[in-house]
Amino acid sequence: MTMGATLYFVVKNLILPPGLMVAVGLVGLVLYRRYRRLGLALLMAVPLLTWALSMPLFAAIAARPFETCPPLDVSSLDALGADAIVVLGGGAYADAPEYGGAGNVRYLTLERMRYGAHLQRLTHLPLSVSGGVPRNMDSSEAAIMKRALEEDFGVPVAAVEDRSRNTEQNARMSRAVLPYKTIVLVTHAMHMQRARTQFERAGFTVVPAAVGYLGSRSLDYVLADFVPSLQGLANSWYVIYEAAGALWYRYAYD
């Protein structure tokens, strides 16, 4: 791993939970001897922050400003002139001994793949995948997605973009290899805003096909909405990750 990649990995995991809570606690410890009140306040903030980010309530509310694209109306695709479906990768990992040591996709990618396969069966549009080689892996994410879609989901993959490392590259490099104009773009609802913007800048006409809505959950503000859970923390991790990504892309690419 290069120095730049290492620094990115460290910073990313310190601004996302649970690293965020660890960082706040360490800063509190460092400050406690000299700035006792501030250090104590930060130390006391750690369990409160952990509780807040672990509540289902947090992610469900925080996701709503980002999930602006409604679910896809499949019946409208003919009128919109869609040429193809493009599924974006959402993570993969190297060690999957149950598959003979081959790589496997993470759950975000799996959710996107399932919806992409569902749309391909309904529309019979050519399906493409996009995702480069993840850290510490030899195979590209797109290659793993293609194999799983064809072998496990039973749908053909028409094209592969296997060099991109981020959303901007997903779009730009897909434009270089895909002979399509109007695409049905499959990614998570939290990610759709910036993904759509980048693909439109690359020259595509985008029909959003979002999956995995976090903000659509009905909240009754009863006890269960405030009870911390690992899934609640995972949802908060993704909301903060996408919010940080949206902020970065606003300044980096606008």
C-alpha atoms as a PDB file:
ATOM      1  CA  MET A   1       0.000   0.000   0.000  1.00  0.00           C
ATOM      2  CA  THR A   2       1.342   3.440  -0.899  1.00  0.00           C
ATOM      3  CA  MET A   3       1.786   6.177   1.698  1.00  0.00           C
ATOM      4  CA  GLY A   4      -1.136   8.114   0.236  1.00  0.00           C
ATOM      5  CA  ALA A   5      -3.410   5.076   0.356  1.00  0.00           C
ATOM      6  CA  THR A   6      -2.341   4.355   3.939  1.00  0.00           C
ATOM      7  CA  LEU A   7      -3.066   7.930   5.010  1.00  0.00           C
ATOM      8  CA  TYR A   8      -6.478   7.819   3.324  1.00  0.00           C
ATOM      9  CA  PHE A   9      -7.287   4.536   5.064  1.00  0.00           C
ATOM     10  CA  VAL A  10      -6.333   5.913   8.487  1.00  0.00           C
ATOM     11  CA  VAL A  11      -8.156   9.236   8.101  1.00  0.00           C
ATOM     12  CA  LYS A  12     -11.277   7.601   6.714  1.00  0.00           C
ATOM     13  CA  ASN A  13     -11.521   5.194   9.626  1.00  0.00           C
ATOM     14  CA  LEU A  14     -10.947   7.920  12.196  1.00  0.00           C
ATOM     15  CA  ILE A  15     -13.857  10.041  10.951  1.00  0.00           C
ATOM     16  CA  LEU A  16     -16.214   7.076  10.717  1.00  0.00           C
ATOM     17  CA  PRO A  17     -17.615   5.034  13.624  1.00  0.00           C
ATOM     18  CA  PRO A  18     -16.300   3.289  15.641  1.00  0.00           C
ATOM     19  CA  GLY A  19     -12.947   4.986  14.938  1.00  0.00           C
ATOM     20  CA  LEU A  20     -14.616   8.357  15.461  1.00  0.00           C
ATOM     21  CA  MET A  21     -15.460   7.468  19.067  1.00  0.00           C
ATOM     22  CA  VAL A  22     -11.944   6.154  19.684  1.00  0.00           C
ATOM     23  CA  ALA A  23     -10.461   9.377  18.300  1.00  0.00           C
ATOM     24  CA  VAL A  24     -12.711  11.554  20.482  1.00  0.00           C
ATOM     25  CA  GLY A  25     -11.761   9.514  23.562  1.00  0.00           C
ATOM     26  CA  LEU A  26      -8.027   9.712  22.840  1.00  0.00           C
ATOM     27  CA  VAL A  27      -8.201  13.468  22.340  1.00  0.00           C
ATOM     28  CA  GLY A  28     -10.057  13.707  25.644  1.00  0.00           C
ATOM     29  CA  LEU A  29      -7.345  11.732  27.417  1.00  0.00           C
ATOM     30  CA  VAL A  30      -4.595  13.884  25.941  1.00  0.00           C
ATOM     31  CA  LEU A  31      -6.337  17.103  26.950  1.00  0.00           C
ATOM     32  CA  TYR A  32      -7.494  15.981  30.386  1.00  0.00           C
ATOM     33  CA  ARG A  33      -4.307  16.837  32.341  1.00  0.00           C
ATOM     34  CA  ARG A  34      -4.014  20.368  30.964  1.00  0.00           C
ATOM     35  CA  TYR A  35      -7.611  21.223  30.047  1.00  0.00           C
ATOM     36  CA  ARG A  36      -9.530  19.140  32.510  1.00  0.00           C
ATOM     37  CA  ARG A  37     -13.042  20.340  31.731  1.00  0.00           C
ATOM     38  CA  LEU A  38     -12.635  20.016  27.977  1.00  0.00           C
ATOM     39  CA  GLY A  39     -10.965  16.624  28.281  1.00  0.00           C
ATOM     40  CA  LEU A  40     -13.664  15.378  30.649  1.00  0.00           C
ATOM     41  CA  ALA A  41     -16.391  16.644  28.311  1.00  0.00           C
ATOM     42  CA  LEU A  42     -14.868  14.726  25.389  1.00  0.00           C
ATOM     43  CA  LEU A  43     -14.536  11.561  27.471  1.00  0.00           C
ATOM     44  CA  MET A  44     -18.156  11.831  28.551  1.00  0.00           C
ATOM     45  CA  ALA A  45     -19.178  12.423  24.932  1.00  0.00           C
ATOM     46  CA  VAL A  46     -17.861   9.019  23.821  1.00  0.00           C
ATOM     47  CA  PRO A  47     -20.641   6.810  25.292  1.00  0.00           C
ATOM     48  CA  LEU A  48     -23.279   9.371  24.285  1.00  0.00           C
ATOM     49  CA  LEU A  49     -21.940   9.492  20.731  1.00  0.00           C
ATOM     50  CA  THR A  50     -21.789   5.705  20.585  1.00  0.00           C
ATOM     51  CA  TRP A  51     -25.390   5.472  21.731  1.00  0.00           C
ATOM     52  CA  ALA A  52     -26.603   8.129  19.291  1.00  0.00           C
ATOM     53  CA  LEU A  53     -24.894   6.580  16.269  1.00  0.00           C
ATOM     54  CA  SER A  54     -26.084   3.085  17.217  1.00  0.00           C
ATOM     55  CA  MET A  55     -29.745   4.069  17.364  1.00  0.00           C
ATOM     56  CA  PRO A  56     -31.873   3.158  14.302  1.00  0.00           C
ATOM     57  CA  LEU A  57     -33.338   6.643  14.649  1.00  0.00           C
ATOM     58  CA  PHE A  58     -30.094   8.431  13.709  1.00  0.00           C
ATOM     59  CA  ALA A  59     -29.476   6.839  10.306  1.00  0.00           C
ATOM     60  CA  ALA A  60     -33.162   6.893   9.355  1.00  0.00           C
ATOM     61  CA  ILE A  61     -33.343  10.663   9.881  1.00  0.00           C
ATOM     62  CA  ALA A  62     -29.855  11.579   8.665  1.00  0.00           C
ATOM     63  CA  ALA A  63     -30.264   9.676   5.379  1.00  0.00           C
ATOM     64  CA  ARG A  64     -33.379  11.490   4.218  1.00  0.00           C
ATOM     65  CA  PRO A  65     -31.749  14.660   2.804  1.00  0.00           C
ATOM     66  CA  PHE A  66     -29.544  12.490   0.581  1.00  0.00           C
ATOM     67  CA  GLU A  67     -32.126   9.963  -0.617  1.00  0.00           C
ATOM     68  CA  THR A  68     -33.843  12.297  -3.065  1.00  0.00           C
ATOM     69  CA  CYS A  69     -34.441   9.842  -5.927  1.00  0.00           C
ATOM     70  CA  PRO A  70     -37.723   7.924  -5.672  1.00  0.00           C
ATOM     71  CA  PRO A  71     -37.804   4.186  -6.390  1.00  0.00           C
ATOM     72  CA  LEU A  72     -37.628   3.372 -10.090  1.00  0.00           C
ATOM     73  CA  ASP A  73     -40.874   2.937 -12.018  1.00  0.00           C
ATOM     74  CA  VAL A  74     -39.824   0.096 -14.321  1.00  0.00           C
ATOM     75  CA  SER A  75     -42.788   0.680 -16.628  1.00  0.00           C
ATOM     76  CA  SER A  76     -41.298   4.063 -17.592  1.00  0.00           C
ATOM     77  CA  LEU A  77     -38.034   2.673 -19.003  1.00  0.00           C
ATOM     78  CA  ASP A  78     -39.350   2.151 -22.551  1.00  0.00           C
ATOM     79  CA  ALA A  79     -40.535   5.759 -22.733  1.00  0.00           C
ATOM     80  CA  LEU A  80     -37.211   6.983 -21.348  1.00  0.00           C
ATOM     81  CA  GLY A  81     -35.272   5.051 -23.999  1.00  0.00           C
ATOM     82  CA  ALA A  82     -32.928   3.232 -21.641  1.00  0.00           C
ATOM     83  CA  ASP A  83     -30.098   1.426 -23.447  1.00  0.00           C
ATOM     84  CA  ALA A  84     -28.421  -0.490 -20.618  1.00  0.00           C
ATOM     85  CA  ILE A  85     -28.157  -1.134 -16.889  1.00  0.00           C
ATOM     86  CA  VAL A  86     -24.964  -0.153 -15.048  1.00  0.00           C
ATOM     87  CA  VAL A  87     -24.330  -1.594 -11.572  1.00  0.00           C
ATOM     88  CA  LEU A  88     -21.693   0.116  -9.433  1.00  0.00           C
ATOM     89  CA  GLY A  89     -19.516  -1.873  -7.060  1.00  0.00           C
ATOM     90  CA  GLY A  90     -19.764  -1.191  -3.346  1.00  0.00           C
ATOM     91  CA  GLY A  91     -16.851  -3.176  -1.942  1.00  0.00           C
ATOM     92  CA  ALA A  92     -15.161  -6.583  -2.163  1.00  0.00           C
ATOM     93  CA  TYR A  93     -12.690  -8.628  -0.125  1.00  0.00           C
ATOM     94  CA  ALA A  94      -9.939 -11.068  -0.977  1.00  0.00           C
ATOM     95  CA  ASP A  95     -10.206 -14.013   1.397  1.00  0.00           C
ATOM     96  CA  ALA A  96     -13.251 -16.186   0.749  1.00  0.00           C
ATOM     97  CA  PRO A  97     -12.146 -19.790   1.451  1.00  0.00           C
ATOM     98  CA  GLU A  98     -15.676 -21.065   0.869  1.00  0.00           C
ATOM     99  CA  TYR A  99     -15.156 -20.095  -2.792  1.00  0.00           C
ATOM    100  CA  GLY A 100     -11.750 -21.718  -3.029  1.00  0.00           C
ATOM    101  CA  GLY A 101      -9.881 -18.576  -2.010  1.00  0.00           C
ATOM    102  CA  ALA A 102     -11.436 -16.368  -4.679  1.00  0.00           C
ATOM    103  CA  GLY A 103     -12.642 -12.895  -3.775  1.00  0.00           C
ATOM    104  CA  ASN A 104     -16.199 -12.118  -2.781  1.00  0.00           C
ATOM    105  CA  VAL A 105     -18.424  -9.040  -2.774  1.00  0.00           C
ATOM    106  CA  ARG A 106     -19.450  -7.131   0.341  1.00  0.00           C
ATOM    107  CA  TYR A 107     -23.084  -6.638   1.279  1.00  0.00           C
ATOM    108  CA  LEU A 108     -23.499  -3.222  -0.392  1.00  0.00           C
ATOM    109  CA  THR A 109     -22.338  -4.683  -3.701  1.00  0.00           C
ATOM    110  CA  LEU A 110     -24.580  -7.705  -3.228  1.00  0.00           C
ATOM    111  CA  GLU A 111     -27.662  -5.519  -2.726  1.00  0.00           C
ATOM    112  CA  ARG A 112     -26.857  -3.608  -5.912  1.00  0.00           C
ATOM    113  CA  MET A 113     -26.189  -6.792  -7.874  1.00  0.00           C
ATOM    114  CA  ARG A 114     -29.468  -8.374  -6.828  1.00  0.00           C
ATOM    115  CA  TYR A 115     -31.433  -5.305  -7.937  1.00  0.00           C
ATOM    116  CA  GLY A 116     -29.462  -5.103 -11.178  1.00  0.00           C
ATOM    117  CA  ALA A 117     -30.233  -8.749 -11.912  1.00  0.00           C
ATOM    118  CA  HIS A 118     -33.911  -8.140 -11.083  1.00  0.00           C
ATOM    119  CA  LEU A 119     -34.060  -5.226 -13.523  1.00  0.00           C
ATOM    120  CA  GLN A 120     -32.235  -7.180 -16.230  1.00  0.00           C
ATOM    121  CA  ARG A 121     -34.786  -9.990 -16.039  1.00  0.00           C
ATOM    122  CA  LEU A 122     -37.642  -7.517 -16.272  1.00  0.00           C
ATOM    123  CA  THR A 123     -36.247  -5.408 -19.099  1.00  0.00           C
ATOM    124  CA  HIS A 124     -33.737  -7.663 -20.901  1.00  0.00           C
ATOM    125  CA  LEU A 125     -31.448  -4.649 -21.235  1.00  0.00           C
ATOM    126  CA  PRO A 126     -27.693  -5.332 -21.438  1.00  0.00           C
ATOM    127  CA  LEU A 127     -26.135  -5.197 -17.981  1.00  0.00           C
ATOM    128  CA  SER A 128     -22.713  -3.716 -17.211  1.00  0.00           C
ATOM    129  CA  VAL A 129     -20.661  -3.617 -14.008  1.00  0.00           C
ATOM    130  CA  SER A 130     -18.103  -1.104 -12.773  1.00  0.00           C
ATOM    131  CA  GLY A 131     -15.408  -1.483 -10.112  1.00  0.00           C
ATOM    132  CA  GLY A 132     -11.620  -1.626 -10.065  1.00  0.00           C
ATOM    133  CA  VAL A 133      -9.102  -3.630  -8.036  1.00  0.00           C
ATOM    134  CA  PRO A 134      -9.631  -3.115  -4.282  1.00  0.00           C
ATOM    135  CA  ARG A 135      -6.811  -2.732  -1.790  1.00  0.00           C
ATOM    136  CA  ASN A 136      -4.816  -5.961  -1.236  1.00  0.00           C
ATOM    137  CA  MET A 137      -6.607  -7.801  -4.044  1.00  0.00           C
ATOM    138  CA  ASP A 138      -5.538  -9.195  -7.411  1.00  0.00           C
ATOM    139  CA  SER A 139      -8.954  -9.452  -9.057  1.00  0.00           C
ATOM    140  CA  SER A 140     -11.125  -6.463  -9.873  1.00  0.00           C
ATOM    141  CA  GLU A 141     -14.423  -5.946  -8.134  1.00  0.00           C
ATOM    142  CA  ALA A 142     -16.130  -5.898 -11.536  1.00  0.00           C
ATOM    143  CA  ALA A 143     -14.706  -9.324 -12.409  1.00  0.00           C
ATOM    144  CA  ILE A 144     -16.055 -10.794  -9.163  1.00  0.00           C
ATOM    145  CA  MET A 145     -19.434  -9.143  -9.795  1.00  0.00           C
ATOM    146  CA  LYS A 146     -19.564 -10.506 -13.350  1.00  0.00           C
ATOM    147  CA  ARG A 147     -18.837 -14.044 -12.189  1.00  0.00           C
ATOM    148  CA  ALA A 148     -21.461 -13.919  -9.446  1.00  0.00           C
ATOM    149  CA  LEU A 149     -24.124 -12.359 -11.668  1.00  0.00           C
ATOM    150  CA  GLU A 150     -23.650 -14.969 -14.377  1.00  0.00           C
ATOM    151  CA  GLU A 151     -23.079 -18.042 -12.208  1.00  0.00           C
ATOM    152  CA  ASP A 152     -25.306 -17.311  -9.204  1.00  0.00           C
ATOM    153  CA  PHE A 153     -27.945 -14.896 -10.495  1.00  0.00           C
ATOM    154  CA  GLY A 154     -28.122 -16.361 -13.994  1.00  0.00           C
ATOM    155  CA  VAL A 155     -28.011 -13.060 -15.908  1.00  0.00           C
ATOM    156  CA  PRO A 156     -25.487 -12.174 -18.628  1.00  0.00           C
ATOM    157  CA  VAL A 157     -23.034  -9.312 -18.188  1.00  0.00           C
ATOM    158  CA  ALA A 158     -22.510  -7.404 -21.425  1.00  0.00           C
ATOM    159  CA  ALA A 159     -19.591  -5.159 -20.433  1.00  0.00           C
ATOM    160  CA  VAL A 160     -17.063  -4.690 -17.629  1.00  0.00           C
ATOM    161  CA  GLU A 161     -15.276  -1.555 -16.434  1.00  0.00           C
ATOM    162  CA  ASP A 162     -12.547  -2.824 -14.109  1.00  0.00           C
ATOM    163  CA  ARG A 163     -10.093   0.055 -13.494  1.00  0.00           C
ATOM    164  CA  SER A 164     -12.021   2.635 -11.448  1.00  0.00           C
ATOM    165  CA  ARG A 165     -11.318   3.303  -7.772  1.00  0.00           C
ATOM    166  CA  ASN A 166     -14.005   5.881  -6.973  1.00  0.00           C
ATOM    167  CA  THR A 167     -17.316   7.248  -8.232  1.00  0.00           C
ATOM    168  CA  GLU A 168     -15.794   9.858 -10.553  1.00  0.00           C
ATOM    169  CA  GLN A 169     -13.663   7.161 -12.176  1.00  0.00           C
ATOM    170  CA  ASN A 170     -16.668   4.817 -12.347  1.00  0.00           C
ATOM    171  CA  ALA A 171     -18.348   7.395 -14.551  1.00  0.00           C
ATOM    172  CA  ARG A 172     -15.416   8.550 -16.654  1.00  0.00           C
ATOM    173  CA  MET A 173     -14.039   5.080 -17.328  1.00  0.00           C
ATOM    174  CA  SER A 174     -17.492   3.627 -18.010  1.00  0.00           C
ATOM    175  CA  ARG A 175     -17.979   6.318 -20.650  1.00  0.00           C
ATOM    176  CA  ALA A 176     -14.772   5.134 -22.319  1.00  0.00           C
ATOM    177  CA  VAL A 177     -15.858   1.480 -22.601  1.00  0.00           C
ATOM    178  CA  LEU A 178     -19.672   1.525 -22.825  1.00  0.00           C
ATOM    179  CA  PRO A 179     -21.397   2.238 -26.156  1.00  0.00           C
ATOM    180  CA  TYR A 180     -24.597   3.386 -24.445  1.00  0.00           C
ATOM    181  CA  LYS A 181     -26.174   6.816 -24.044  1.00  0.00           C
ATOM    182  CA  THR A 182     -29.090   6.370 -21.624  1.00  0.00           C
ATOM    183  CA  ILE A 183     -28.331   4.109 -18.685  1.00  0.00           C
ATOM    184  CA  VAL A 184     -30.248   2.751 -15.725  1.00  0.00           C
ATOM    185  CA  LEU A 185     -27.799   3.437 -12.901  1.00  0.00           C
ATOM    186  CA  VAL A 186     -27.950   1.035  -9.951  1.00  0.00           C
ATOM    187  CA  THR A 187     -26.452   2.124  -6.651  1.00  0.00           C
ATOM    188  CA  HIS A 188     -27.603   2.865  -3.114  1.00  0.00           C
ATOM    189  CA  ALA A 189     -30.067   5.666  -2.509  1.00  0.00           C
ATOM    190  CA  MET A 190     -27.533   7.456  -0.269  1.00  0.00           C
ATOM    191  CA  HIS A 191     -24.946   7.312  -3.074  1.00  0.00           C
ATOM    192  CA  MET A 192     -27.240   8.138  -5.979  1.00  0.00           C
ATOM    193  CA  GLN A 193     -26.965  11.944  -5.903  1.00  0.00           C
ATOM    194  CA  ARG A 194     -23.231  12.116  -6.453  1.00  0.00           C
ATOM    195  CA  ALA A 195     -23.134   9.031  -8.690  1.00  0.00           C
ATOM    196  CA  ARG A 196     -25.801  10.503 -10.975  1.00  0.00           C
ATOM    197  CA  THR A 197     -23.972  13.839 -11.127  1.00  0.00           C
ATOM    198  CA  GLN A 198     -20.697  12.205 -12.125  1.00  0.00           C
ATOM    199  CA  PHE A 199     -22.261   9.973 -14.787  1.00  0.00           C
ATOM    200  CA  GLU A 200     -24.145  12.902 -16.295  1.00  0.00           C
ATOM    201  CA  ARG A 201     -20.909  14.896 -16.407  1.00  0.00           C
ATOM    202  CA  ALA A 202     -19.293  11.976 -18.216  1.00  0.00           C
ATOM    203  CA  GLY A 203     -21.939  12.249 -20.938  1.00  0.00           C
ATOM    204  CA  PHE A 204     -24.596   9.722 -19.944  1.00  0.00           C
ATOM    205  CA  THR A 205     -28.289  10.320 -19.594  1.00  0.00           C
ATOM    206  CA  VAL A 206     -29.076   8.726 -16.244  1.00  0.00           C
ATOM    207  CA  VAL A 207     -32.218   6.955 -15.086  1.00  0.00           C
ATOM    208  CA  PRO A 208     -31.695   6.474 -11.321  1.00  0.00           C
ATOM    209  CA  ALA A 209     -32.417   2.995  -9.961  1.00  0.00           C
ATOM    210  CA  ALA A 210     -31.710   3.345  -6.268  1.00  0.00           C
ATOM    211  CA  VAL A 211     -31.627   0.498  -3.771  1.00  0.00           C
ATOM    212  CA  GLY A 212     -31.282   0.217   0.002  1.00  0.00           C
ATOM    213  CA  TYR A 213     -33.295   3.170   1.244  1.00  0.00           C
ATOM    214  CA  LEU A 214     -32.436   3.950   4.868  1.00  0.00           C
ATOM    215  CA  GLY A 215     -34.630   7.017   5.269  1.00  0.00           C
ATOM    216  CA  SER A 216     -37.844   5.343   4.129  1.00  0.00           C
ATOM    217  CA  ARG A 217     -38.192   3.479   7.404  1.00  0.00           C
ATOM    218  CA  SER A 218     -41.347   4.369   9.311  1.00  0.00           C
ATOM    219  CA  LEU A 219     -40.426   5.764  12.716  1.00  0.00           C
ATOM    220  CA  ASP A 220     -42.835   5.612  15.633  1.00  0.00           C
ATOM    221  CA  TYR A 221     -40.347   7.197  18.056  1.00  0.00           C
ATOM    222  CA  VAL A 222     -40.940   4.329  20.435  1.00  0.00           C
ATOM    223  CA  LEU A 223     -38.351   2.578  22.585  1.00  0.00           C
ATOM    224  CA  ALA A 224     -37.060   0.363  19.759  1.00  0.00           C
ATOM    225  CA  ASP A 225     -35.998   3.401  17.719  1.00  0.00           C
ATOM    226  CA  PHE A 226     -33.646   4.468  20.514  1.00  0.00           C
ATOM    227  CA  VAL A 227     -32.180   1.069  21.442  1.00  0.00           C
ATOM    228  CA  PRO A 228     -28.568   0.773  20.185  1.00  0.00           C
ATOM    229  CA  SER A 229     -27.709  -2.056  17.821  1.00  0.00           C
ATOM    230  CA  LEU A 230     -24.833  -3.157  15.615  1.00  0.00           C
ATOM    231  CA  GLN A 231     -27.020  -2.712  12.540  1.00  0.00           C
ATOM    232  CA  GLY A 232     -27.851   0.812  13.647  1.00  0.00           C
ATOM    233  CA  LEU A 233     -24.132   1.591  13.925  1.00  0.00           C
ATOM    234  CA  ALA A 234     -23.477   0.063  10.497  1.00  0.00           C
ATOM    235  CA  ASN A 235     -26.229   2.205   8.969  1.00  0.00           C
ATOM    236  CA  SER A 236     -24.784   5.311  10.625  1.00  0.00           C
ATOM    237  CA  TRP A 237     -21.334   4.389   9.286  1.00  0.00           C
ATOM    238  CA  TYR A 238     -22.715   4.358   5.752  1.00  0.00           C
ATOM    239  CA  VAL A 239     -24.675   7.592   6.166  1.00  0.00           C
ATOM    240  CA  ILE A 240     -21.598   9.442   7.472  1.00  0.00           C
ATOM    241  CA  TYR A 241     -19.417   7.907   4.753  1.00  0.00           C
ATOM    242  CA  GLU A 242     -21.742   9.042   1.981  1.00  0.00           C
ATOM    243  CA  ALA A 243     -22.283  12.471   3.566  1.00  0.00           C
ATOM    244  CA  ALA A 244     -18.506  12.982   3.711  1.00  0.00           C
ATOM    245  CA  GLY A 245     -18.213  11.771   0.116  1.00  0.00           C
ATOM    246  CA  ALA A 246     -20.897  14.192  -1.048  1.00  0.00           C
ATOM    247  CA  LEU A 247     -19.131  17.078   0.697  1.00  0.00           C
ATOM    248  CA  TRP A 248     -15.771  16.122  -0.801  1.00  0.00           C
ATOM    249  CA  TYR A 249     -17.183  15.802  -4.323  1.00  0.00           C
ATOM    250  CA  ARG A 250     -18.917  19.175  -4.025  1.00  0.00           C
ATOM    251  CA  TYR A 251     -15.563  20.912  -3.572  1.00  0.00           C
ATOM    252  CA  ALA A 252     -13.348  18.578  -5.594  1.00  0.00           C
ATOM    253  CA  TYR A 253     -15.449  18.362  -8.760  1.00  0.00           C
ATOM    254  CA  ASP A 254     -17.699  21.446  -8.768  1.00  0.00           C
END
